[in-house]
Protein backbone atom coordinates (compact mmCIF):
# COMPACT_ATOMS: atom_id res chain seq x y z
CA MET A 1 40.09 -15.02 34.45
CA LEU A 2 38.69 -14.15 31.03
CA ILE A 3 34.97 -13.20 31.09
CA LEU A 4 33.00 -13.09 27.85
CA SER A 5 30.17 -10.67 28.56
CA SER A 6 28.63 -10.47 25.07
CA SER A 7 28.57 -12.09 21.65
CA ALA A 8 30.78 -9.28 20.31
CA THR A 9 33.41 -10.02 22.94
CA PHE A 10 33.24 -13.71 22.04
CA ILE A 11 33.78 -13.01 18.33
CA HIS A 12 36.69 -10.66 19.18
CA PHE A 13 38.27 -13.42 21.27
CA VAL A 14 38.05 -15.93 18.40
CA ARG A 15 39.57 -13.52 15.90
CA ILE A 16 42.46 -12.30 18.06
CA TYR A 17 43.46 -15.59 19.62
CA ARG A 18 42.60 -17.85 16.66
CA ALA A 19 41.28 -20.45 19.02
CA PRO A 20 40.86 -24.05 17.81
CA LYS A 21 37.36 -25.13 16.83
CA SER A 22 37.02 -27.42 19.84
CA VAL A 23 37.84 -24.56 22.19
CA VAL A 24 35.48 -22.23 20.34
CA ALA A 25 32.64 -24.76 20.66
CA ALA A 26 33.26 -25.29 24.35
CA ILE A 27 33.36 -21.55 25.08
CA ALA A 28 30.23 -20.95 23.00
CA LEU A 29 28.37 -23.60 24.95
CA ALA A 30 29.48 -22.06 28.24
CA VAL A 31 28.36 -18.59 27.13
CA LEU A 32 24.95 -19.88 26.07
CA SER A 33 24.51 -21.66 29.38
CA LEU A 34 24.88 -18.31 31.12
CA CYS A 35 22.02 -16.83 29.10
CA PHE A 36 19.61 -19.75 28.68
CA SER A 37 18.37 -22.56 30.86
CA THR A 38 15.95 -25.37 30.07
CA SER A 39 16.54 -27.47 33.18
CA THR A 40 13.60 -29.60 34.26
CA HIS A 41 13.71 -28.36 37.84
CA ALA A 42 15.72 -25.12 37.78
CA CYS A 43 16.74 -22.17 35.68
CA GLU A 44 20.10 -21.29 37.12
CA PHE A 45 22.01 -18.07 36.53
CA LYS A 46 24.95 -16.52 38.32
CA ASN A 47 23.06 -14.43 40.86
CA VAL A 48 19.60 -15.97 40.87
CA HIS A 49 18.00 -19.41 40.49
CA PHE A 50 14.40 -20.12 39.51
CA LYS A 51 13.46 -23.55 40.86
CA THR A 52 10.49 -25.77 40.05
CA ASN A 53 11.44 -28.85 42.07
CA PHE A 54 8.12 -28.98 43.90
CA GLU A 55 4.63 -30.19 43.03
CA ALA A 56 2.86 -27.80 40.64
CA GLY A 57 6.19 -26.13 39.81
CA LYS A 58 6.13 -25.00 36.19
CA ILE A 59 8.64 -23.13 34.04
CA ASP A 60 9.90 -24.70 30.83
CA GLN A 61 12.55 -22.27 29.64
CA CYS A 62 14.45 -19.30 31.00
CA LYS A 63 16.49 -16.56 29.39
CA GLN A 64 18.64 -13.81 30.87
CA LEU A 65 17.99 -10.60 28.95
CA SER A 66 20.35 -8.40 30.95
CA GLU A 67 22.17 -8.47 34.26
CA ASN A 68 18.95 -8.10 36.26
CA GLN A 69 16.22 -9.03 33.78
CA PHE A 70 14.95 -12.55 33.12
CA GLU A 71 12.34 -14.06 30.83
CA LEU A 72 10.52 -17.23 31.91
CA LEU A 73 8.41 -19.30 29.53
CA SER A 74 5.63 -21.76 30.32
CA LYS A 75 4.68 -24.27 27.63
CA PRO A 76 1.50 -26.36 27.47
CA GLU A 77 1.70 -30.09 28.04
CA ASN A 78 0.35 -30.65 24.51
CA ARG A 79 -1.92 -29.09 21.92
CA PRO A 80 -4.70 -28.33 21.15
CA ILE A 81 -5.43 -26.90 24.58
CA ASN A 82 -7.42 -24.21 26.33
CA PRO A 83 -4.85 -21.38 26.62
CA SER A 84 -4.49 -21.09 30.40
CA PRO A 85 -0.73 -20.80 31.01
CA TRP A 86 0.22 -21.91 34.52
CA TYR A 87 3.47 -20.94 36.18
CA ALA A 88 4.94 -21.55 39.63
CA PHE A 89 8.56 -21.27 40.73
CA LYS A 90 10.81 -20.52 43.68
CA VAL A 91 13.18 -17.54 43.48
CA VAL A 92 16.58 -18.06 45.13
CA ASN A 93 19.02 -15.17 45.60
CA LYS A 94 22.52 -16.55 44.91
CA SER A 95 24.21 -13.25 45.65
CA THR A 96 25.40 -12.34 49.13
CA GLU A 97 23.78 -8.94 48.64
CA ASN A 98 20.17 -7.88 48.20
CA GLN A 99 19.22 -7.14 44.61
CA GLN A 100 16.27 -6.07 42.51
CA ILE A 101 15.37 -8.05 39.41
CA SER A 102 12.79 -7.83 36.67
CA ILE A 103 10.92 -10.98 35.62
CA ILE A 104 8.95 -11.41 32.41
CA ILE A 105 6.56 -14.38 32.45
CA LYS A 106 5.24 -15.66 29.13
CA GLY A 107 2.88 -18.42 28.10
CA GLU A 108 3.74 -20.02 24.78
CA LYS A 109 1.20 -18.78 22.20
CA ALA A 110 -1.15 -17.65 24.97
CA LYS A 111 -2.21 -14.50 26.76
CA PRO A 112 -1.81 -14.35 30.55
CA ARG A 113 -4.72 -15.67 32.57
CA TYR A 114 -3.47 -15.96 36.15
CA LEU A 115 -2.20 -12.90 38.04
CA PRO A 116 1.12 -13.24 39.92
CA LYS A 117 1.17 -13.95 43.62
CA MET A 118 4.04 -14.33 46.10
CA SER A 119 4.51 -16.52 49.15
CA ILE A 120 7.35 -17.12 51.61
CA ASP A 121 6.05 -20.43 52.97
CA GLY A 122 3.90 -21.68 50.06
CA LYS A 123 0.76 -21.32 52.18
CA GLN A 124 0.08 -17.61 52.67
CA TRP A 125 -0.07 -15.71 49.38
CA GLN A 126 -0.27 -12.05 48.44
CA ALA A 127 -0.77 -10.32 45.12
CA LEU A 128 2.24 -8.87 43.29
CA PRO A 129 2.14 -5.59 41.34
CA PHE A 130 2.51 -6.28 37.62
CA ASP A 131 2.20 -4.89 34.11
CA ILE A 132 1.02 -6.64 30.97
CA ILE A 133 3.23 -5.75 28.01
CA ASP A 134 3.04 -7.59 24.69
CA ASN A 135 0.97 -10.40 26.24
CA ALA A 136 3.54 -11.04 28.97
CA ILE A 137 3.50 -10.42 32.72
CA HIS A 138 6.20 -7.99 33.91
CA ILE A 139 7.07 -7.85 37.61
CA ASN A 140 9.86 -6.29 39.67
CA VAL A 141 10.92 -8.02 42.87
CA GLN A 142 13.43 -7.28 45.60
CA LEU A 143 15.63 -10.27 46.42
CA GLN A 144 16.84 -10.53 49.98
CA GLN A 145 18.36 -13.61 51.61
CA GLN A 146 15.09 -15.53 51.97
CA ASP A 147 13.72 -17.69 49.16
CA PHE A 148 10.13 -17.14 48.05
CA TYR A 149 7.57 -18.52 45.62
CA ILE A 150 5.83 -16.86 42.69
CA ALA A 151 2.80 -18.51 41.09
CA GLY A 152 -0.28 -17.70 39.05
CA GLN A 153 -2.54 -18.82 41.91
CA GLU A 154 -2.16 -20.29 45.37
CA VAL A 155 -0.48 -23.69 45.19
CA ILE A 156 -2.76 -26.51 46.35
CA ASP A 157 -0.81 -29.72 45.77
CA ASN A 158 -1.43 -33.42 46.28
CA ALA A 159 0.11 -33.36 49.75
CA PHE A 160 -2.45 -30.78 50.81
CA TYR A 161 -5.35 -32.96 49.63
CA ALA A 162 -3.94 -35.97 51.46
CA GLN A 163 -3.62 -34.10 54.76
CA TRP A 164 -6.92 -32.25 54.38
CA SER A 165 -8.84 -35.45 53.58
CA GLN A 166 -7.31 -37.32 56.50
CA THR A 167 -8.13 -34.49 58.90
CA LEU A 168 -11.70 -34.17 57.66
CA ALA A 169 -12.22 -37.93 57.94
CA LYS A 170 -10.95 -37.92 61.53
CA GLU A 171 -13.17 -35.01 62.54
CA SER A 172 -16.40 -36.07 60.83
CA GLY A 173 -18.43 -39.09 59.84
CA PHE A 174 -16.84 -39.19 56.39
CA LYS A 175 -14.50 -42.04 55.56
CA LEU A 176 -11.42 -41.81 53.37
CA GLN A 177 -11.61 -44.32 50.53
CA ALA A 178 -9.03 -45.17 47.86
CA LEU A 179 -10.82 -44.89 44.53
CA GLY A 180 -7.86 -45.98 42.37
CA MET A 181 -4.56 -44.90 40.87
CA SER A 182 -3.67 -42.28 38.28
CA THR A 183 -1.60 -42.98 35.17
CA GLU A 184 1.61 -42.08 37.02
CA GLY A 185 0.63 -44.09 40.09
CA ARG A 186 -0.73 -41.37 42.35
CA GLY A 187 -3.71 -42.17 44.52
CA ILE A 188 -7.16 -40.88 43.63
CA ASP A 189 -9.00 -40.69 46.93
CA ALA A 190 -12.60 -40.09 47.88
CA LEU A 191 -14.45 -38.97 50.98
CA VAL A 192 -17.60 -41.03 51.48
CA HIS A 193 -20.49 -40.80 53.89
CA SER A 194 -23.05 -43.56 53.48
CA THR A 195 -25.38 -45.86 55.35
CA PRO A 196 -27.10 -48.97 53.95
CA GLU A 197 -30.54 -47.44 54.60
CA ASN A 198 -29.86 -44.43 52.36
CA LYS A 199 -30.61 -44.90 48.66
CA GLU A 200 -29.92 -41.43 47.22
CA TRP A 201 -26.42 -40.16 46.33
CA LEU A 202 -24.84 -36.73 45.96
CA LEU A 203 -21.65 -36.81 43.87
CA ILE A 204 -19.00 -34.06 44.01
CA VAL A 205 -15.84 -33.88 41.89
CA GLY A 206 -13.04 -31.35 41.60
CA ARG A 207 -9.69 -30.47 40.08
CA GLN A 208 -10.28 -31.96 36.64
CA HIS A 209 -8.26 -28.97 35.41
CA PRO A 210 -5.13 -28.45 37.57
CA PRO A 211 -4.69 -24.63 37.62
CA GLU A 212 -8.32 -23.89 38.50
CA ILE A 213 -7.58 -23.04 42.09
CA THR A 214 -10.62 -20.92 42.93
CA GLY A 215 -12.80 -23.91 42.12
CA ALA A 216 -10.65 -25.99 44.45
CA LEU A 217 -11.01 -23.39 47.21
CA ALA A 218 -14.78 -23.43 46.74
CA LEU A 219 -14.92 -27.23 46.94
CA ILE A 220 -12.85 -27.26 50.14
CA SER A 221 -15.15 -24.76 51.87
CA PHE A 222 -18.28 -26.46 50.52
CA VAL A 223 -17.21 -29.91 51.76
CA GLN A 224 -16.10 -28.62 55.16
CA GLU A 225 -19.53 -27.04 55.60
CA LEU A 226 -21.17 -30.28 54.50
CA ALA A 227 -19.20 -32.16 57.19
CA THR A 228 -19.98 -29.73 60.02
CA GLN A 229 -21.67 -31.22 63.05
CA GLN A 230 -25.02 -29.40 62.97
CA GLN A 231 -28.64 -30.51 62.96
CA LEU A 232 -29.10 -29.63 59.27
CA ASN A 233 -26.11 -31.79 58.35
CA THR A 234 -27.32 -34.64 60.53
CA ASP A 235 -30.73 -34.55 58.86
CA PHE A 236 -29.15 -34.41 55.42
CA LEU A 237 -26.73 -37.28 55.98
CA SER A 238 -29.50 -39.34 57.52
CA ARG A 239 -31.18 -39.40 54.13
CA PHE A 240 -28.46 -38.89 51.50
CA ASN A 241 -25.19 -40.68 50.81
CA VAL A 242 -22.30 -38.48 49.65
CA MET A 243 -19.31 -39.25 47.43
CA ILE A 244 -16.60 -36.58 47.10
CA ILE A 245 -13.58 -36.83 44.78
CA PRO A 246 -11.72 -33.57 45.48
CA ASN A 247 -8.71 -34.16 43.21
CA LEU A 248 -9.42 -36.20 40.10
CA ASN A 249 -6.26 -35.18 38.23
CA PRO A 250 -3.33 -35.63 40.64
CA ASP A 251 -0.79 -36.10 37.84
CA GLY A 252 -1.79 -32.82 36.22
CA VAL A 253 -1.58 -31.10 39.60
CA ALA A 254 1.90 -32.50 40.30
CA ASN A 255 3.25 -31.62 36.86
CA GLY A 256 1.85 -28.10 36.73
CA ASN A 257 -0.23 -28.82 33.64
CA TRP A 258 -2.27 -26.08 32.02
CA ARG A 259 -5.41 -28.23 31.74
CA HIS A 260 -4.88 -31.89 30.85
CA ASN A 261 -3.85 -35.10 32.54
CA THR A 262 -0.45 -36.73 32.01
CA LYS A 263 -1.66 -38.31 28.75
CA GLY A 264 -2.64 -34.94 27.35
CA ALA A 265 -6.39 -35.47 27.69
CA ASP A 266 -8.99 -33.04 28.99
CA LEU A 267 -10.83 -35.09 31.61
CA ASN A 268 -13.93 -32.95 31.25
CA ARG A 269 -14.20 -34.09 27.65
CA ASP A 270 -13.91 -37.80 28.48
CA TRP A 271 -17.16 -38.56 30.30
CA GLY A 272 -19.08 -41.29 28.50
CA LYS A 273 -16.00 -42.07 26.42
CA PHE A 274 -13.92 -43.18 29.42
CA THR A 275 -10.60 -43.42 27.62
CA GLN A 276 -8.65 -42.13 30.63
CA VAL A 277 -7.86 -44.02 33.81
CA GLU A 278 -9.08 -41.13 35.99
CA THR A 279 -12.61 -41.08 34.58
CA GLN A 280 -12.60 -44.88 34.42
CA GLN A 281 -12.16 -44.94 38.20
CA VAL A 282 -15.35 -42.92 38.64
CA GLN A 283 -17.20 -45.03 36.08
CA ALA A 284 -16.22 -48.19 37.98
CA TRP A 285 -17.48 -46.69 41.22
CA LEU A 286 -20.79 -45.67 39.62
CA ASN A 287 -21.31 -49.12 38.14
CA LYS A 288 -20.49 -50.81 41.43
CA THR A 289 -22.53 -48.51 43.65
CA LEU A 290 -25.66 -47.68 41.68
CA VAL A 291 -27.27 -51.10 41.86
CA GLU A 292 -30.67 -52.25 43.02
CA GLN A 293 -32.35 -49.20 44.58
CA GLN A 294 -29.21 -47.04 44.87
CA ARG A 295 -29.42 -44.00 42.61
CA LEU A 296 -27.65 -40.74 41.88
CA VAL A 297 -29.83 -37.66 42.41
CA PHE A 298 -27.51 -34.64 42.05
CA ALA A 299 -23.88 -33.75 41.30
CA LEU A 300 -21.49 -30.80 41.43
CA ASP A 301 -18.29 -30.30 39.44
CA PHE A 302 -16.01 -27.48 40.72
CA HIS A 303 -14.01 -25.34 38.25
CA SER A 304 -12.65 -21.84 37.65
CA THR A 305 -13.11 -19.41 34.78
CA GLN A 306 -13.06 -15.67 34.11
CA GLN A 307 -16.19 -14.97 36.20
CA ASP A 308 -18.45 -16.65 38.72
CA ILE A 309 -20.98 -18.76 36.82
CA PHE A 310 -23.10 -21.88 37.33
CA TYR A 311 -23.54 -24.04 34.23
CA THR A 312 -26.77 -26.00 34.53
CA MET A 313 -28.92 -28.34 32.51
CA PRO A 314 -32.09 -26.69 31.13
CA SER A 315 -35.24 -27.22 33.19
CA ASP A 316 -37.01 -28.77 30.19
CA TYR A 317 -34.26 -31.37 29.66
CA ALA A 318 -34.93 -35.02 30.57
CA VAL A 319 -33.86 -34.62 34.22
CA ALA A 320 -35.56 -34.80 37.60
CA ALA A 321 -36.69 -32.79 39.42
CA PRO A 322 -37.23 -30.42 36.46
CA THR A 323 -36.61 -27.04 38.12
CA PHE A 324 -34.28 -28.25 40.88
CA SER A 325 -31.13 -26.36 39.82
CA GLU A 326 -33.06 -23.23 38.95
CA ASP A 327 -34.82 -23.21 42.31
CA TRP A 328 -31.65 -23.90 44.32
CA LEU A 329 -29.70 -21.09 42.64
CA LYS A 330 -32.54 -18.68 43.40
CA GLN A 331 -32.25 -19.63 47.06
CA LEU A 332 -28.47 -19.21 46.89
CA LYS A 333 -28.92 -15.72 45.45
CA GLU A 334 -31.24 -14.76 48.29
CA ALA A 335 -28.87 -16.10 50.95
CA THR A 336 -25.54 -14.65 49.76
CA VAL A 337 -24.28 -11.07 50.07
CA SER A 338 -25.56 -8.57 47.53
CA SER A 339 -22.08 -8.07 46.08
CA PHE A 340 -22.11 -11.63 44.71
CA THR A 341 -23.92 -12.27 41.45
CA VAL A 342 -25.38 -15.73 40.91
CA ARG A 343 -25.18 -16.32 37.16
CA PRO A 344 -27.06 -19.44 36.03
CA SER A 345 -26.21 -20.54 32.50
CA PRO A 346 -28.45 -23.36 31.24
CA GLY A 347 -27.18 -25.28 28.25
CA THR A 348 -26.36 -28.61 26.69
CA SER A 349 -23.23 -30.05 25.11
CA PRO A 350 -24.18 -33.44 23.66
CA GLY A 351 -21.34 -35.70 22.58
CA ARG A 352 -18.56 -33.55 24.03
CA GLY A 353 -17.77 -35.69 27.06
CA VAL A 354 -18.71 -33.04 29.64
CA PHE A 355 -19.42 -34.30 33.17
CA LYS A 356 -22.82 -32.66 33.70
CA GLN A 357 -24.07 -33.65 30.24
CA PHE A 358 -23.04 -37.27 30.75
CA LEU A 359 -24.87 -37.48 34.07
CA ALA A 360 -28.00 -35.91 32.58
CA ASP A 361 -28.05 -38.36 29.67
CA GLU A 362 -27.05 -41.46 31.64
CA TYR A 363 -28.90 -40.93 34.93
CA ASN A 364 -31.48 -38.23 34.10
CA ILE A 365 -30.30 -36.01 36.96
CA HIS A 366 -29.39 -32.38 37.38
CA SER A 367 -25.76 -31.49 37.90
CA ILE A 368 -24.00 -28.14 37.92
CA THR A 369 -20.57 -27.00 36.83
CA TYR A 370 -19.78 -24.67 39.74
CA GLU A 371 -17.31 -22.07 38.41
CA MET A 372 -15.56 -19.42 40.48
CA GLY A 373 -13.82 -16.47 38.85
CA ASP A 374 -10.03 -16.63 38.78
CA ASN A 375 -9.80 -13.35 40.68
CA THR A 376 -12.85 -13.63 42.92
CA ASN A 377 -12.15 -12.49 46.48
CA ARG A 378 -11.12 -15.51 48.55
CA GLU A 379 -13.31 -14.60 51.51
CA LEU A 380 -16.25 -14.29 49.12
CA ILE A 381 -15.48 -17.74 47.67
CA THR A 382 -15.66 -19.18 51.19
CA HIS A 383 -18.89 -17.36 52.03
CA VAL A 384 -20.61 -18.47 48.82
CA ALA A 385 -19.44 -22.09 49.16
CA GLN A 386 -20.60 -22.38 52.78
CA THR A 387 -23.94 -20.81 51.89
CA ALA A 388 -24.22 -23.06 48.83
CA ALA A 389 -23.75 -26.16 51.00
CA GLN A 390 -26.37 -25.01 53.50
CA THR A 391 -28.97 -24.07 50.90
CA LEU A 392 -28.34 -27.22 48.85
CA MET A 393 -28.88 -29.47 51.86
CA ARG A 394 -32.16 -27.69 52.62
CA LYS A 395 -33.28 -27.85 49.01
CA MET A 396 -32.48 -31.55 48.62
CA LEU A 397 -34.28 -32.37 51.86
CA SER A 398 -37.37 -30.52 50.60
CA VAL A 399 -37.64 -32.78 47.55
CA GLU A 400 -39.50 -36.05 47.98
CA PRO A 401 -37.53 -39.16 46.90
CA GLU A 402 -39.88 -39.96 44.02
CA GLN A 403 -39.43 -36.43 42.63
CA PHE A 404 -35.76 -37.24 41.97
CA ILE A 405 -36.81 -40.13 39.71
CA TYR A 406 -37.26 -39.14 36.07
CA LYS A 407 -40.52 -40.22 34.50
CA PRO A 408 -40.63 -39.76 30.72
CA SER A 409 -43.66 -38.01 29.33
CA PRO A 410 -45.66 -39.73 26.56
CA SER A 411 -44.02 -37.41 24.00
CA ASP A 412 -40.57 -38.54 25.14
CA LEU A 413 -41.50 -42.14 24.39
CA ASP A 414 -42.66 -41.42 20.82
């Protein structure tokens, strides 16, 4: 069997054997297929396959640089986009022997954001040693006979949300409610706890941006604490209704998108505009629910960024109660471990379609963009989220109902 191991060998073959053009083209295509792969679900080489045939799987192009070195490229779903290259793939050893390979992970026109992690079962993850060279992640891995996953963060897919929501609904007073369908026909579900006597609503949303996993982890711990069977929770749910949408962008999650939904839109730039079916589902719920005396009083939107930070509306903005967010975050600071820094960041973003700004302008309420750092310790994320739920319930219970109703000052009416 003739093996063409390099371009020089290929050229030598053509010259010596004077092969017909059709044969030359066929051999050239075969050679290229050994070195490059742009398969939708797999990058397949002789001794190793990189597979993405699972939800959140993401690699757009692969290249074999040498016998044991491979370059994997992640491309954004569209541009312009926040440069947060996501990657997730399964490594399959196709050799009968163990081998060591080098993997270079690149984001197209973007610096790395997410640090590589490895998992055998897709549930338990551990950090991988890496180097950053020329804006690319370089890792060395030992391939044995067991497949494993590599991803920028833990993979939390749509199947997880479905199972988690069902379990929480069975074990608590929350009910699972179908909010609507995504563009690609995936369900957008909500967890709701309400009674007809309650008039005040807490709204929680998450996963507007698919790769922001630490925000998702925080939401999960926060909601589980909110649903715990304790006296504080009973008192809270006896007064407040709660609406939780843990996964607003299921298409982006499934497709491994860097930031957007399947139509290439940033959902956290669509509030008030409502051009996307995902935000339209929430708008429809708000319009249907907030009638007569029903009113929204507070909201949280869970995300991830480079550091832990809480984006708030300024206390002097047209929201009620004026210092609610400021006061709550002070209580959170006092209740969490000293190694965690509570960073409030008051600000406005009029006209940009941001969730918290829309709610402030439309309903005159406080809301917070709750951001966890990409690399924040996972146990710390859980601790802060549980403490945040406890302190928020206490803070909301301490506020009289009329204090959550915005009353314009005479100067506001001028």
